[in-house]
């Protein structure tokens, strides 16, 4: 049974930072494309960042330069470092694991990030 458990969310003021973690179990972690997505008020779920098997990262347009994704295959964990958070970054962040970009994969339950101005 695949499980993705997010942690590290919370509340910060604008300009602050948070680091999210996602611990995966029940899958062959190094063989999975890992990603973070988010749902913000009034918008559909969108890609925040993803990291491929070999460690190559990709980011959503509004996150470039502020967010950094990394993975530790020994710990079955993917991280998301978020700097200079803004109120528009407020939302629920979801961890995702998939074998290929075109597949849906597995989802965590989500974790809340709140940014106050």
C-alpha atoms as a PDB file:
ATOM      1  CA  UNK A   1       0.000   0.000   0.000  1.00  0.00           C
ATOM      2  CA  UNK A   2       1.466   3.293  -1.134  1.00  0.00           C
ATOM      3  CA  UNK A   3       1.481   6.115   1.393  1.00  0.00           C
ATOM      4  CA  UNK A   4       2.697   9.678   0.989  1.00  0.00           C
ATOM      5  CA  UNK A   5       2.805  11.686   4.201  1.00  0.00           C
ATOM      6  CA  UNK A   6       3.418  15.421   4.053  1.00  0.00           C
ATOM      7  CA  UNK A   7       4.830  17.485   6.907  1.00  0.00           C
ATOM      8  CA  UNK A   8       6.285  20.935   7.537  1.00  0.00           C
ATOM      9  CA  UNK A   9       3.347  23.127   6.675  1.00  0.00           C
ATOM     10  CA  UNK A  10       2.158  26.004   8.818  1.00  0.00           C
ATOM     11  CA  UNK A  11       1.743  29.753   8.974  1.00  0.00           C
ATOM     12  CA  UNK A  12       4.333  32.376   8.092  1.00  0.00           C
ATOM     13  CA  UNK A  13       4.393  36.062   7.317  1.00  0.00           C
ATOM     14  CA  UNK A  14       5.026  37.312   3.814  1.00  0.00           C
ATOM     15  CA  UNK A  15       8.677  36.996   2.948  1.00  0.00           C
ATOM     16  CA  UNK A  16       9.103  33.996   5.219  1.00  0.00           C
ATOM     17  CA  UNK A  17      10.168  30.446   4.425  1.00  0.00           C
ATOM     18  CA  UNK A  18       8.945  26.916   4.965  1.00  0.00           C
ATOM     19  CA  UNK A  19      10.274  23.487   4.081  1.00  0.00           C
ATOM     20  CA  UNK A  20       7.796  20.746   3.255  1.00  0.00           C
ATOM     21  CA  UNK A  21       8.704  17.071   3.444  1.00  0.00           C
ATOM     22  CA  UNK A  22       6.987  14.045   1.958  1.00  0.00           C
ATOM     23  CA  UNK A  23       7.834  10.590   3.222  1.00  0.00           C
ATOM     24  CA  UNK A  24       6.905   7.821   0.806  1.00  0.00           C
ATOM     25  CA  UNK A  25       6.352   4.163   1.599  1.00  0.00           C
ATOM     26  CA  UNK A  26       5.087   1.133  -0.274  1.00  0.00           C
ATOM     27  CA  UNK A  27       6.809   1.986  -3.551  1.00  0.00           C
ATOM     28  CA  UNK A  28      10.205   1.753  -5.203  1.00  0.00           C
ATOM     29  CA  UNK A  29      10.991   5.390  -4.476  1.00  0.00           C
ATOM     30  CA  UNK A  30      14.033   5.930  -6.756  1.00  0.00           C
ATOM     31  CA  UNK A  31      11.941   4.834  -9.757  1.00  0.00           C
ATOM     32  CA  UNK A  32       9.240   7.450  -9.192  1.00  0.00           C
ATOM     33  CA  UNK A  33       8.900  10.979 -10.422  1.00  0.00           C
ATOM     34  CA  UNK A  34       8.084  12.988  -7.289  1.00  0.00           C
ATOM     35  CA  UNK A  35       6.203  16.247  -7.284  1.00  0.00           C
ATOM     36  CA  UNK A  36       4.455  18.906  -5.283  1.00  0.00           C
ATOM     37  CA  UNK A  37       1.158  20.408  -6.362  1.00  0.00           C
ATOM     38  CA  UNK A  38      -1.054  22.951  -4.705  1.00  0.00           C
ATOM     39  CA  UNK A  39      -4.617  24.169  -4.575  1.00  0.00           C
ATOM     40  CA  UNK A  40      -4.969  27.871  -3.867  1.00  0.00           C
ATOM     41  CA  UNK A  41      -8.266  29.719  -3.380  1.00  0.00           C
ATOM     42  CA  UNK A  42     -10.115  30.092  -6.655  1.00  0.00           C
ATOM     43  CA  UNK A  43      -7.645  28.081  -8.709  1.00  0.00           C
ATOM     44  CA  UNK A  44      -7.353  24.510  -9.850  1.00  0.00           C
ATOM     45  CA  UNK A  45      -4.630  22.225  -8.619  1.00  0.00           C
ATOM     46  CA  UNK A  46      -1.344  23.269 -10.206  1.00  0.00           C
ATOM     47  CA  UNK A  47       2.179  21.970 -10.428  1.00  0.00           C
ATOM     48  CA  UNK A  48       4.571  23.557  -7.955  1.00  0.00           C
ATOM     49  CA  UNK A  49       7.673  21.489  -8.632  1.00  0.00           C
ATOM     50  CA  UNK A  50       8.718  18.006  -9.625  1.00  0.00           C
ATOM     51  CA  UNK A  51      11.931  16.093  -9.632  1.00  0.00           C
ATOM     52  CA  UNK A  52      12.794  13.278 -11.979  1.00  0.00           C
ATOM     53  CA  UNK A  53      14.478  10.010 -11.189  1.00  0.00           C
ATOM     54  CA  UNK A  54      17.962  11.346 -11.799  1.00  0.00           C
ATOM     55  CA  UNK A  55      17.352  14.529  -9.827  1.00  0.00           C
ATOM     56  CA  UNK A  56      16.492  16.979 -12.611  1.00  0.00           C
ATOM     57  CA  UNK A  57      13.968  19.499 -11.253  1.00  0.00           C
ATOM     58  CA  UNK A  58      11.121  21.351 -12.928  1.00  0.00           C
ATOM     59  CA  UNK A  59       9.023  24.224 -11.578  1.00  0.00           C
ATOM     60  CA  UNK A  60       5.796  26.040 -12.131  1.00  0.00           C
ATOM     61  CA  UNK A  61       6.341  29.492 -13.599  1.00  0.00           C
ATOM     62  CA  UNK A  62       5.493  31.494 -10.489  1.00  0.00           C
ATOM     63  CA  UNK A  63       7.740  29.368  -8.281  1.00  0.00           C
ATOM     64  CA  UNK A  64      10.961  29.652 -10.244  1.00  0.00           C
ATOM     65  CA  UNK A  65      13.700  31.251  -8.208  1.00  0.00           C
ATOM     66  CA  UNK A  66      11.779  30.997  -4.937  1.00  0.00           C
ATOM     67  CA  UNK A  67      11.140  27.273  -4.488  1.00  0.00           C
ATOM     68  CA  UNK A  68      13.624  24.399  -4.533  1.00  0.00           C
ATOM     69  CA  UNK A  69      12.761  20.727  -4.750  1.00  0.00           C
ATOM     70  CA  UNK A  70      15.133  17.959  -3.724  1.00  0.00           C
ATOM     71  CA  UNK A  71      14.942  14.258  -3.065  1.00  0.00           C
ATOM     72  CA  UNK A  72      16.809  11.838  -0.839  1.00  0.00           C
ATOM     73  CA  UNK A  73      16.384   8.349  -2.224  1.00  0.00           C
ATOM     74  CA  UNK A  74      17.938   6.786   0.871  1.00  0.00           C
ATOM     75  CA  UNK A  75      15.235   8.345   3.033  1.00  0.00           C
ATOM     76  CA  UNK A  76      12.363   7.900   0.545  1.00  0.00           C
ATOM     77  CA  UNK A  77      11.703  11.595   1.012  1.00  0.00           C
ATOM     78  CA  UNK A  78      11.156  14.585  -1.225  1.00  0.00           C
ATOM     79  CA  UNK A  79      11.549  18.126   0.068  1.00  0.00           C
ATOM     80  CA  UNK A  80      10.239  21.501  -1.017  1.00  0.00           C
ATOM     81  CA  UNK A  81      12.029  24.583   0.238  1.00  0.00           C
ATOM     82  CA  UNK A  82       9.859  27.666  -0.186  1.00  0.00           C
ATOM     83  CA  UNK A  83      11.434  31.086   0.185  1.00  0.00           C
ATOM     84  CA  UNK A  84       9.947  34.566  -0.006  1.00  0.00           C
ATOM     85  CA  UNK A  85       6.437  33.234   0.484  1.00  0.00           C
ATOM     86  CA  UNK A  86       3.625  35.542  -0.540  1.00  0.00           C
ATOM     87  CA  UNK A  87      -0.086  35.580   0.356  1.00  0.00           C
ATOM     88  CA  UNK A  88      -0.901  34.111  -3.058  1.00  0.00           C
ATOM     89  CA  UNK A  89       1.106  31.018  -2.085  1.00  0.00           C
ATOM     90  CA  UNK A  90      -1.462  30.195   0.570  1.00  0.00           C
ATOM     91  CA  UNK A  91      -3.160  26.878  -0.059  1.00  0.00           C
ATOM     92  CA  UNK A  92      -3.044  23.134   0.373  1.00  0.00           C
ATOM     93  CA  UNK A  93       0.112  21.454  -0.887  1.00  0.00           C
ATOM     94  CA  UNK A  94       0.026  17.862  -2.082  1.00  0.00           C
ATOM     95  CA  UNK A  95       2.800  15.362  -2.591  1.00  0.00           C
ATOM     96  CA  UNK A  96       2.585  13.186  -5.703  1.00  0.00           C
ATOM     97  CA  UNK A  97       4.416  10.092  -6.899  1.00  0.00           C
ATOM     98  CA  UNK A  98       4.099   8.779 -10.445  1.00  0.00           C
ATOM     99  CA  UNK A  99       5.994   6.532 -12.795  1.00  0.00           C
ATOM    100  CA  UNK A 100       5.662   8.918 -15.713  1.00  0.00           C
ATOM    101  CA  UNK A 101       4.463  12.453 -16.392  1.00  0.00           C
ATOM    102  CA  UNK A 102       1.402  11.157 -18.206  1.00  0.00           C
ATOM    103  CA  UNK A 103       0.206   9.014 -15.322  1.00  0.00           C
ATOM    104  CA  UNK A 104      -1.851  10.152 -12.347  1.00  0.00           C
ATOM    105  CA  UNK A 105       0.082   8.291  -9.707  1.00  0.00           C
ATOM    106  CA  UNK A 106      -0.470   8.546  -5.973  1.00  0.00           C
ATOM    107  CA  UNK A 107      -1.377  11.507  -3.806  1.00  0.00           C
ATOM    108  CA  UNK A 108      -0.785  12.511  -0.224  1.00  0.00           C
ATOM    109  CA  UNK A 109      -3.572  13.970   1.876  1.00  0.00           C
ATOM    110  CA  UNK A 110      -2.245  17.490   1.599  1.00  0.00           C
ATOM    111  CA  UNK A 111      -0.875  20.014   4.042  1.00  0.00           C
ATOM    112  CA  UNK A 112      -1.913  23.589   4.694  1.00  0.00           C
ATOM    113  CA  UNK A 113       0.375  26.555   4.054  1.00  0.00           C
ATOM    114  CA  UNK A 114      -0.826  29.956   5.224  1.00  0.00           C
ATOM    115  CA  UNK A 115       0.933  33.224   4.429  1.00  0.00           C
ATOM    116  CA  UNK A 116      -0.169  36.454   6.069  1.00  0.00           C
ATOM    117  CA  UNK A 117       0.564  39.889   4.678  1.00  0.00           C
END
